[in-house]
Protein backbone atom coordinates (compact mmCIF):
# COMPACT_ATOMS: atom_id res chain seq x y z
CA MET A 1 -59.85 -120.90 -244.97
CA ALA A 2 -57.28 -118.86 -242.54
CA GLU A 3 -57.13 -114.99 -243.34
CA VAL A 4 -54.38 -111.99 -242.21
CA LYS A 5 -56.41 -109.64 -240.75
CA HIS A 6 -56.08 -105.89 -242.05
CA ILE A 7 -55.56 -102.74 -240.38
CA SER A 8 -55.19 -98.98 -241.48
CA ILE A 9 -51.80 -96.72 -241.07
CA ASP A 10 -54.27 -95.15 -238.21
CA THR A 11 -55.16 -98.33 -236.38
CA SER A 12 -53.54 -98.21 -232.42
CA ASP A 13 -50.30 -99.38 -231.79
CA GLU A 14 -52.34 -101.49 -228.88
CA GLU A 15 -55.03 -103.11 -231.48
CA ALA A 16 -51.94 -103.92 -233.97
CA LEU A 17 -49.85 -105.24 -230.90
CA ARG A 18 -53.17 -107.19 -229.93
CA ILE A 19 -53.72 -109.03 -233.49
CA ILE A 20 -49.89 -108.91 -233.23
CA GLU A 21 -50.53 -111.03 -230.09
CA GLU A 22 -53.23 -113.38 -231.26
CA ASP A 23 -52.04 -114.57 -234.64
CA ALA A 24 -48.10 -113.43 -235.08
CA ALA A 25 -49.67 -112.01 -238.31
CA VAL A 26 -51.11 -108.72 -240.02
CA ILE A 27 -51.33 -106.35 -242.86
CA VAL A 28 -51.36 -102.36 -242.68
CA ASP A 29 -52.61 -101.52 -245.80
CA ASP A 30 -51.27 -98.65 -247.91
CA VAL A 31 -48.91 -97.24 -245.90
CA ILE A 32 -46.67 -95.58 -249.18
CA PRO A 33 -47.33 -93.72 -252.07
CA GLY A 34 -46.34 -94.96 -255.47
CA THR A 35 -43.94 -92.28 -255.29
CA GLU A 36 -41.81 -93.84 -252.74
CA ILE A 37 -42.19 -97.35 -254.35
CA ASP A 38 -41.04 -96.29 -257.71
CA LYS A 39 -37.77 -94.69 -256.22
CA ILE A 40 -37.27 -97.94 -254.37
CA LEU A 41 -37.78 -100.03 -257.72
CA GLU A 42 -35.65 -97.78 -259.66
CA GLU A 43 -32.58 -97.82 -256.85
CA LEU A 44 -32.47 -102.12 -256.29
CA ASP A 45 -33.53 -102.39 -260.23
CA PRO A 46 -29.41 -102.60 -261.08
CA PHE A 47 -28.89 -105.07 -258.59
CA ILE A 48 -31.66 -107.60 -259.16
CA LYS A 49 -30.70 -107.38 -262.99
CA GLY A 50 -27.40 -108.57 -261.67
CA ASN A 51 -28.26 -111.09 -259.48
CA LEU A 52 -28.26 -114.90 -259.18
CA LYS A 53 -30.54 -117.04 -258.32
CA GLY A 54 -31.43 -119.26 -255.36
CA ALA A 55 -29.80 -123.06 -255.53
CA ASP A 56 -31.48 -124.67 -253.44
CA ASP A 57 -35.74 -126.13 -252.42
CA PHE A 58 -35.49 -123.42 -249.66
CA THR A 59 -33.85 -119.93 -251.45
CA GLY A 60 -35.66 -121.01 -254.49
CA PHE A 61 -34.44 -121.75 -258.01
CA LYS A 62 -36.09 -118.72 -260.14
CA THR A 63 -36.21 -116.47 -257.01
CA THR A 64 -33.95 -113.34 -256.95
CA ARG A 65 -32.25 -112.05 -253.04
CA VAL A 66 -30.43 -108.90 -253.00
CA GLY A 67 -29.16 -108.08 -249.69
CA ALA A 68 -27.18 -105.05 -248.04
CA LEU A 69 -30.58 -102.84 -248.83
CA ILE A 70 -29.28 -99.85 -246.02
CA ALA A 71 -26.06 -99.51 -248.06
CA ARG A 72 -27.41 -99.40 -251.54
CA SER A 73 -31.30 -98.23 -251.33
CA HIS A 74 -32.29 -94.08 -249.71
CA GLY A 75 -35.95 -95.94 -250.56
CA CYS A 76 -35.35 -99.20 -247.74
CA ARG A 77 -33.54 -96.73 -244.91
CA ASP A 78 -36.87 -94.82 -245.17
CA LEU A 79 -38.77 -98.11 -244.76
CA ALA A 80 -36.68 -99.10 -242.01
CA MET A 81 -37.03 -96.36 -240.31
CA HIS A 82 -40.61 -95.57 -241.05
CA GLU A 83 -42.27 -94.40 -237.98
CA LYS A 84 -45.01 -96.35 -237.27
CA ILE A 85 -43.05 -99.88 -238.25
CA ASN A 86 -40.39 -98.50 -235.59
CA SER A 87 -43.10 -97.56 -232.76
CA LEU A 88 -44.45 -101.15 -232.95
CA ALA A 89 -41.19 -103.27 -233.02
CA SER A 90 -40.27 -100.64 -229.94
CA GLU A 91 -43.20 -102.23 -228.04
CA PHE A 92 -42.97 -105.59 -228.86
CA LEU A 93 -39.40 -106.17 -228.39
CA LYS A 94 -38.21 -103.61 -225.43
CA PRO A 95 -39.88 -105.62 -223.05
CA HIS A 96 -36.15 -107.73 -223.22
CA CYS A 97 -34.04 -105.63 -224.53
CA ASP A 98 -32.58 -101.58 -223.95
CA ASN A 99 -32.35 -101.43 -227.71
CA TYR A 100 -33.42 -103.83 -230.52
CA GLN A 101 -31.41 -103.02 -234.10
CA LEU A 102 -32.54 -104.09 -237.84
CA HIS A 103 -31.80 -107.72 -238.44
CA PHE A 104 -31.98 -108.67 -241.58
CA THR A 105 -32.55 -107.06 -245.42
CA SER A 106 -33.27 -108.63 -248.26
CA ALA A 107 -35.03 -107.81 -251.11
CA ILE A 108 -36.89 -111.01 -252.60
CA GLN A 109 -38.05 -111.62 -256.21
CA ILE A 110 -39.87 -114.82 -256.72
CA GLY A 111 -40.10 -115.47 -260.57
CA PRO A 112 -42.65 -117.23 -262.59
CA GLY A 113 -42.95 -121.12 -262.24
CA GLU A 114 -40.79 -120.64 -258.59
CA SER A 115 -42.76 -123.44 -256.53
CA SER A 116 -43.54 -122.72 -252.92
CA GLN A 117 -40.75 -122.80 -250.85
CA ILE A 118 -41.26 -125.09 -247.11
CA LEU A 119 -42.93 -123.79 -244.04
CA HIS A 120 -40.27 -122.56 -241.51
CA ARG A 121 -39.90 -119.80 -238.77
CA ASP A 122 -37.41 -117.73 -238.70
CA ARG A 123 -35.86 -117.71 -234.84
CA GLY A 124 -34.54 -121.22 -235.72
CA VAL A 125 -31.25 -119.41 -236.91
CA TRP A 126 -30.44 -118.74 -233.22
CA GLY A 127 -31.14 -122.48 -232.44
CA GLY A 128 -34.45 -123.56 -232.49
CA PHE A 129 -38.33 -123.04 -232.11
CA ILE A 130 -38.48 -123.38 -228.04
CA PRO A 131 -41.26 -122.64 -226.06
CA ARG A 132 -42.04 -119.09 -226.36
CA ARG A 133 -40.89 -116.82 -223.07
CA ILE A 134 -38.99 -114.17 -225.33
CA GLU A 135 -39.95 -113.38 -229.20
CA THR A 136 -37.00 -112.90 -230.83
CA GLN A 137 -38.10 -110.93 -233.80
CA LEU A 138 -40.60 -108.23 -235.46
CA SER A 139 -40.49 -108.54 -239.33
CA THR A 140 -41.96 -106.94 -242.12
CA VAL A 141 -42.39 -107.07 -245.90
CA TRP A 142 -42.71 -104.52 -247.72
CA ALA A 143 -44.76 -104.50 -251.02
CA ILE A 144 -43.49 -103.27 -253.87
CA ASN A 145 -45.79 -104.91 -256.09
CA ASP A 146 -49.02 -106.52 -255.68
CA PHE A 147 -49.40 -109.74 -253.72
CA THR A 148 -51.59 -112.29 -254.76
CA GLN A 149 -51.60 -116.05 -254.12
CA GLU A 150 -51.42 -116.44 -257.82
CA ASN A 151 -48.05 -114.72 -257.67
CA GLY A 152 -46.18 -115.59 -254.57
CA ALA A 153 -47.72 -114.03 -251.93
CA THR A 154 -46.18 -115.18 -248.46
CA GLN A 155 -48.05 -117.98 -246.68
CA VAL A 156 -48.61 -117.83 -243.32
CA VAL A 157 -50.33 -119.83 -240.71
CA PRO A 158 -52.08 -117.30 -237.93
CA GLY A 159 -51.85 -118.46 -234.33
CA SER A 160 -48.40 -120.86 -235.19
CA HIS A 161 -46.36 -119.49 -232.93
CA LYS A 162 -47.95 -120.76 -230.19
CA TRP A 163 -48.20 -124.57 -231.59
CA ASP A 164 -46.25 -127.18 -230.51
CA LYS A 165 -42.72 -127.47 -232.23
CA ASN A 166 -43.92 -130.30 -234.49
CA ARG A 167 -47.12 -129.72 -235.50
CA GLN A 168 -47.73 -129.61 -238.98
CA PRO A 169 -50.51 -127.12 -240.53
CA LEU A 170 -53.83 -128.28 -242.48
CA GLN A 171 -54.52 -126.42 -246.02
CA ASP A 172 -57.47 -124.94 -244.54
CA GLU A 173 -55.20 -123.58 -241.42
CA ILE A 174 -53.16 -121.81 -244.36
CA ALA A 175 -53.36 -118.13 -244.93
CA TYR A 176 -51.60 -115.94 -247.80
CA ALA A 177 -50.44 -112.19 -247.24
CA GLU A 178 -52.35 -110.56 -249.85
CA MET A 179 -51.79 -107.33 -250.60
CA LYS A 180 -51.70 -104.05 -252.65
CA ALA A 181 -48.23 -102.89 -253.16
CA GLY A 182 -47.18 -99.84 -250.50
CA SER A 183 -48.71 -102.08 -247.75
CA VAL A 184 -46.54 -104.30 -245.32
CA PHE A 185 -46.96 -107.40 -243.93
CA ILE A 186 -45.96 -107.91 -239.93
CA TYR A 187 -45.12 -111.02 -238.69
CA THR A 188 -43.28 -112.54 -236.03
CA GLY A 189 -40.42 -115.20 -235.48
CA SER A 190 -42.06 -117.35 -234.11
CA VAL A 191 -45.36 -117.73 -236.58
CA LEU A 192 -44.94 -120.40 -239.64
CA HIS A 193 -44.33 -118.98 -243.45
CA GLY A 194 -42.92 -118.87 -246.52
CA GLY A 195 -42.65 -118.11 -250.05
CA GLY A 196 -45.96 -118.59 -252.07
CA THR A 197 -45.87 -120.44 -255.82
CA ASN A 198 -46.11 -118.19 -258.45
CA ASN A 199 -48.39 -119.27 -261.12
CA THR A 200 -48.24 -116.01 -263.08
CA ASN A 201 -46.13 -115.14 -265.47
CA SER A 202 -44.72 -111.88 -264.13
CA SER A 203 -42.04 -111.55 -260.70
CA ARG A 204 -43.86 -110.25 -257.70
CA LEU A 205 -40.91 -108.35 -255.38
CA GLY A 206 -40.60 -107.85 -251.76
CA VAL A 207 -38.82 -105.77 -249.48
CA PHE A 208 -37.73 -107.42 -246.44
CA LEU A 209 -36.69 -105.63 -242.66
CA HIS A 210 -36.63 -107.77 -239.65
CA TYR A 211 -35.94 -106.48 -236.21
CA ALA A 212 -34.29 -108.58 -233.54
CA PRO A 213 -32.76 -107.54 -229.75
CA GLY A 214 -29.77 -105.42 -229.32
CA TRP A 215 -28.66 -108.38 -227.41
CA LEU A 216 -28.90 -110.75 -231.30
CA ARG A 217 -26.23 -111.82 -233.29
CA GLN A 218 -28.04 -110.31 -236.62
CA GLU A 219 -28.13 -112.58 -239.64
CA GLU A 220 -26.91 -110.06 -241.88
CA ASN A 221 -23.47 -108.50 -240.87
CA GLN A 222 -24.85 -104.62 -240.95
CA TYR A 223 -21.33 -103.51 -240.35
CA LEU A 224 -19.64 -105.70 -242.99
CA SER A 225 -22.67 -104.07 -245.80
CA CYS A 226 -22.53 -100.74 -243.85
CA PRO A 227 -19.20 -100.14 -242.87
CA PRO A 228 -17.77 -96.97 -241.22
CA GLU A 229 -17.80 -95.30 -244.20
CA VAL A 230 -20.73 -95.92 -245.77
CA ALA A 231 -22.07 -95.38 -242.24
CA LYS A 232 -20.99 -92.31 -241.30
CA ASP A 233 -23.44 -90.72 -243.94
CA PHE A 234 -26.69 -91.60 -242.16
CA SER A 235 -28.42 -90.52 -239.54
CA PRO A 236 -28.04 -91.19 -235.54
CA GLU A 237 -30.85 -92.71 -235.69
CA LEU A 238 -30.25 -95.25 -238.56
CA ARG A 239 -26.11 -95.87 -237.50
CA SER A 240 -27.77 -96.87 -234.16
CA LEU A 241 -30.82 -99.14 -235.65
CA ILE A 242 -28.20 -100.84 -238.11
CA GLY A 243 -25.99 -101.29 -234.66
CA TYR A 244 -23.57 -98.70 -234.38
CA SER A 245 -24.42 -98.83 -230.63
CA LYS A 246 -24.17 -100.61 -227.74
CA GLY A 247 -26.71 -103.74 -226.53
CA GLY A 248 -27.08 -102.75 -223.42
CA TYR A 249 -25.38 -101.31 -220.73
CA VAL A 250 -21.64 -102.00 -221.64
CA LEU A 251 -22.65 -104.60 -223.74
CA GLY A 252 -20.87 -104.14 -227.30
């Protein structure tokens, strides 16, 4: 069966990016401590409890999704600005843009009994899978509790970012992003992936933070979820990351 490679926070950016180029997926183990996880859980809990489940097979009938995380959670702001992630995002995306931005934020809780999500490529939001000349997205999933194959760890098909559009994976080509709480799964917008089946009695919670070139329209409009009266209290670096900056010379 395929596997997702694991690295440590001390692994060089060069090695991490080599794995991402090869597999389009990697896990960085034990990035944040339990105290940070507890903070994020405390901040997100009221929104998770009050939110509706999905309404179709893709969003999941037993899956809860909470957006606007930068406006709602100090802990998620810290994750978005994490030095290692931004160093990798800069190296990965900046060959094709003057700056990059936070494209999407969501806390996704897969409940007991949820079925597997269809495998898909995130770059489809911009019109589908085309020959890979520019990678349009570097994505992260932060494990707020342990991710296991049994509780719905993200399915991913390493190397599928280089496949023909219509090739479908064999079962043994599908890997699972199994990791301990506080670890982060990194993948690209061109790799096949999807939420897993939860066969346990407990929910699996991840914080999804996706990065994209500054010249692309964001999946989550940060100017609405973090309007000026909210964003004015952010650091200049965070404001720039969520899109309060030009996408290039005179762009925006």
